[in-house]
Amino acid sequence: MARAPAVPIVSVTMCICRRFPFARLLPLARAGGWALEDVMRETGCGDTCGLCIPYLRRMLVTGETAFTELLSE
């Protein structure tokens, strides 16, 4: 019996362009009452390649700082 190909585990925990971990970013965002636009302005996260924007958005809503799925806009 053939086995299904292994699916790589995804772990997204930071803005790669700015090397800014979401776990460090969330407390700053909560303390400052930041919305997504504020996070982008204050940290630069999401301003370069933009791949972290869906993760930032979800982080602000749910409090998650580690993601095991690929998110897109």
N, C-alpha and C. Protein backbone atom coordinates (compact mmCIF):
# COMPACT_ATOMS: atom_id res chain seq x y z
N MET A 1 0.84 -1.17 0.00
CA MET A 1 0.00 0.00 0.00
C MET A 1 0.90 1.25 0.00
N ALA A 2 0.61 2.19 -0.88
CA ALA A 2 1.40 3.41 -1.00
C ALA A 2 1.03 4.39 0.11
N ARG A 3 2.03 5.06 0.62
CA ARG A 3 1.80 6.07 1.65
C ARG A 3 1.62 7.43 1.00
N ALA A 4 0.80 8.24 1.62
CA ALA A 4 0.63 9.61 1.13
C ALA A 4 1.94 10.37 1.36
N PRO A 5 2.27 11.30 0.47
CA PRO A 5 3.49 12.07 0.67
C PRO A 5 3.40 12.90 1.95
N ALA A 6 4.51 13.04 2.62
CA ALA A 6 4.55 13.83 3.85
C ALA A 6 4.30 15.30 3.54
N VAL A 7 3.51 15.93 4.37
CA VAL A 7 3.23 17.36 4.23
C VAL A 7 4.13 18.09 5.22
N PRO A 8 4.92 19.03 4.73
CA PRO A 8 5.81 19.75 5.65
C PRO A 8 5.00 20.57 6.65
N ILE A 9 5.52 20.63 7.85
CA ILE A 9 4.87 21.42 8.90
C ILE A 9 5.29 22.88 8.71
N VAL A 10 4.32 23.74 8.71
CA VAL A 10 4.55 25.18 8.56
C VAL A 10 4.56 25.80 9.95
N SER A 11 5.48 26.70 10.18
CA SER A 11 5.51 27.43 11.43
C SER A 11 5.87 28.88 11.12
N VAL A 12 4.88 29.74 11.20
CA VAL A 12 5.08 31.17 10.95
C VAL A 12 4.96 31.88 12.29
N THR A 13 6.07 32.48 12.74
CA THR A 13 6.09 33.10 14.06
C THR A 13 6.59 34.54 14.05
N MET A 14 6.92 35.07 12.86
CA MET A 14 7.44 36.43 12.84
C MET A 14 7.33 37.06 11.46
N CYS A 15 7.49 38.37 11.45
CA CYS A 15 7.67 39.11 10.20
C CYS A 15 9.10 38.84 9.76
N ILE A 16 9.25 38.15 8.65
CA ILE A 16 10.58 37.76 8.18
C ILE A 16 11.41 38.98 7.75
N CYS A 17 10.79 39.93 7.07
CA CYS A 17 11.53 41.09 6.58
C CYS A 17 12.13 41.91 7.72
N ARG A 18 11.37 42.08 8.79
CA ARG A 18 11.83 42.89 9.93
C ARG A 18 12.42 42.05 11.05
N ARG A 19 12.33 40.70 10.92
CA ARG A 19 12.83 39.79 11.96
C ARG A 19 12.19 40.13 13.31
N PHE A 20 10.88 40.40 13.30
CA PHE A 20 10.14 40.83 14.48
C PHE A 20 9.17 39.71 14.87
N PRO A 21 9.42 39.00 15.98
CA PRO A 21 8.54 37.91 16.39
C PRO A 21 7.16 38.42 16.79
N PHE A 22 6.13 37.70 16.36
CA PHE A 22 4.76 38.06 16.71
C PHE A 22 4.57 38.03 18.23
N ALA A 23 5.24 37.12 18.93
CA ALA A 23 5.11 37.03 20.39
C ALA A 23 5.63 38.30 21.08
N ARG A 24 6.56 38.98 20.48
CA ARG A 24 7.06 40.25 21.01
C ARG A 24 6.18 41.42 20.56
N LEU A 25 5.59 41.26 19.39
CA LEU A 25 4.76 42.31 18.82
C LEU A 25 3.38 42.42 19.48
N LEU A 26 2.78 41.30 19.80
CA LEU A 26 1.42 41.31 20.35
C LEU A 26 1.29 42.16 21.61
N PRO A 27 2.17 42.02 22.61
CA PRO A 27 2.04 42.87 23.80
C PRO A 27 2.16 44.36 23.49
N LEU A 28 3.02 44.71 22.55
CA LEU A 28 3.15 46.12 22.15
C LEU A 28 1.85 46.62 21.52
N ALA A 29 1.29 45.80 20.65
CA ALA A 29 0.05 46.17 19.97
C ALA A 29 -1.09 46.31 20.97
N ARG A 30 -1.18 45.40 21.92
CA ARG A 30 -2.25 45.46 22.92
C ARG A 30 -2.08 46.67 23.83
N ALA A 31 -0.86 46.91 24.28
CA ALA A 31 -0.60 48.04 25.18
C ALA A 31 -0.89 49.37 24.49
N GLY A 32 -0.59 49.43 23.19
CA GLY A 32 -0.80 50.67 22.45
C GLY A 32 -2.17 50.79 21.82
N GLY A 33 -2.98 49.72 21.92
CA GLY A 33 -4.29 49.74 21.29
C GLY A 33 -4.20 49.84 19.78
N TRP A 34 -3.15 49.21 19.20
CA TRP A 34 -2.88 49.34 17.79
C TRP A 34 -3.82 48.50 16.93
N ALA A 35 -4.23 49.07 15.83
CA ALA A 35 -4.89 48.36 14.74
C ALA A 35 -3.78 47.95 13.76
N LEU A 36 -4.14 47.22 12.72
CA LEU A 36 -3.16 46.75 11.75
C LEU A 36 -2.33 47.91 11.19
N GLU A 37 -2.97 48.99 10.83
CA GLU A 37 -2.26 50.14 10.25
C GLU A 37 -1.24 50.70 11.23
N ASP A 38 -1.59 50.70 12.52
CA ASP A 38 -0.66 51.19 13.56
C ASP A 38 0.54 50.27 13.68
N VAL A 39 0.31 48.96 13.67
CA VAL A 39 1.41 47.99 13.74
C VAL A 39 2.36 48.22 12.58
N MET A 40 1.82 48.39 11.40
CA MET A 40 2.65 48.60 10.22
C MET A 40 3.45 49.90 10.32
N ARG A 41 2.80 50.95 10.77
CA ARG A 41 3.48 52.25 10.88
C ARG A 41 4.56 52.23 11.96
N GLU A 42 4.25 51.65 13.11
CA GLU A 42 5.16 51.68 14.25
C GLU A 42 6.33 50.70 14.14
N THR A 43 6.14 49.58 13.45
CA THR A 43 7.17 48.54 13.41
C THR A 43 7.75 48.30 12.02
N GLY A 44 7.03 48.71 10.99
CA GLY A 44 7.45 48.41 9.63
C GLY A 44 7.02 47.02 9.17
N CYS A 45 6.48 46.22 10.09
CA CYS A 45 6.00 44.89 9.71
C CYS A 45 4.85 45.03 8.72
N GLY A 46 4.89 44.24 7.67
CA GLY A 46 3.86 44.28 6.65
C GLY A 46 4.11 45.28 5.55
N ASP A 47 5.11 46.13 5.71
CA ASP A 47 5.38 47.18 4.72
C ASP A 47 6.32 46.76 3.59
N THR A 48 7.07 45.69 3.77
CA THR A 48 8.05 45.33 2.75
C THR A 48 7.45 44.34 1.77
N CYS A 49 7.38 43.07 2.12
CA CYS A 49 6.82 42.09 1.18
C CYS A 49 5.32 41.88 1.38
N GLY A 50 4.83 42.16 2.59
CA GLY A 50 3.40 42.06 2.86
C GLY A 50 2.90 40.66 3.20
N LEU A 51 3.78 39.66 3.17
CA LEU A 51 3.32 38.30 3.44
C LEU A 51 2.83 38.11 4.87
N CYS A 52 3.28 38.93 5.81
CA CYS A 52 2.85 38.77 7.20
C CYS A 52 1.53 39.47 7.51
N ILE A 53 0.99 40.25 6.59
CA ILE A 53 -0.24 40.99 6.86
C ILE A 53 -1.39 40.10 7.32
N PRO A 54 -1.69 38.98 6.65
CA PRO A 54 -2.79 38.15 7.15
C PRO A 54 -2.52 37.58 8.54
N TYR A 55 -1.25 37.32 8.86
CA TYR A 55 -0.89 36.82 10.18
C TYR A 55 -1.03 37.92 11.22
N LEU A 56 -0.61 39.13 10.87
CA LEU A 56 -0.78 40.26 11.79
C LEU A 56 -2.25 40.51 12.06
N ARG A 57 -3.04 40.47 11.02
CA ARG A 57 -4.48 40.70 11.17
C ARG A 57 -5.08 39.66 12.12
N ARG A 58 -4.75 38.39 11.89
CA ARG A 58 -5.30 37.33 12.75
C ARG A 58 -4.74 37.42 14.16
N MET A 59 -3.48 37.78 14.31
CA MET A 59 -2.88 37.95 15.63
C MET A 59 -3.65 38.99 16.44
N LEU A 60 -3.97 40.10 15.81
CA LEU A 60 -4.69 41.16 16.50
C LEU A 60 -6.09 40.74 16.93
N VAL A 61 -6.72 39.88 16.15
CA VAL A 61 -8.09 39.43 16.48
C VAL A 61 -8.08 38.31 17.51
N THR A 62 -7.18 37.33 17.33
CA THR A 62 -7.24 36.12 18.15
C THR A 62 -6.20 36.05 19.26
N GLY A 63 -5.13 36.81 19.14
CA GLY A 63 -4.03 36.71 20.11
C GLY A 63 -3.04 35.62 19.78
N GLU A 64 -3.23 34.92 18.66
CA GLU A 64 -2.28 33.89 18.24
C GLU A 64 -0.96 34.54 17.82
N THR A 65 0.14 33.88 18.13
CA THR A 65 1.45 34.40 17.70
C THR A 65 2.26 33.35 16.96
N ALA A 66 1.72 32.15 16.80
CA ALA A 66 2.36 31.10 16.03
C ALA A 66 1.29 30.44 15.15
N PHE A 67 1.60 30.29 13.89
CA PHE A 67 0.62 29.80 12.92
C PHE A 67 1.17 28.58 12.22
N THR A 68 0.34 27.56 12.07
CA THR A 68 0.77 26.32 11.42
C THR A 68 0.07 26.10 10.09
N GLU A 69 -0.43 27.19 9.55
CA GLU A 69 -1.04 27.12 8.22
C GLU A 69 -0.62 28.34 7.43
N LEU A 70 -0.64 28.22 6.13
CA LEU A 70 -0.30 29.37 5.29
C LEU A 70 -1.55 30.20 5.07
N LEU A 71 -1.46 31.46 5.40
CA LEU A 71 -2.58 32.39 5.24
C LEU A 71 -2.30 33.31 4.08
N SER A 72 -3.34 33.77 3.44
CA SER A 72 -3.21 34.77 2.38
C SER A 72 -4.34 35.78 2.54
N GLU A 73 -4.18 36.87 1.85
CA GLU A 73 -5.20 37.93 1.95
C GLU A 73 -6.53 37.47 1.46
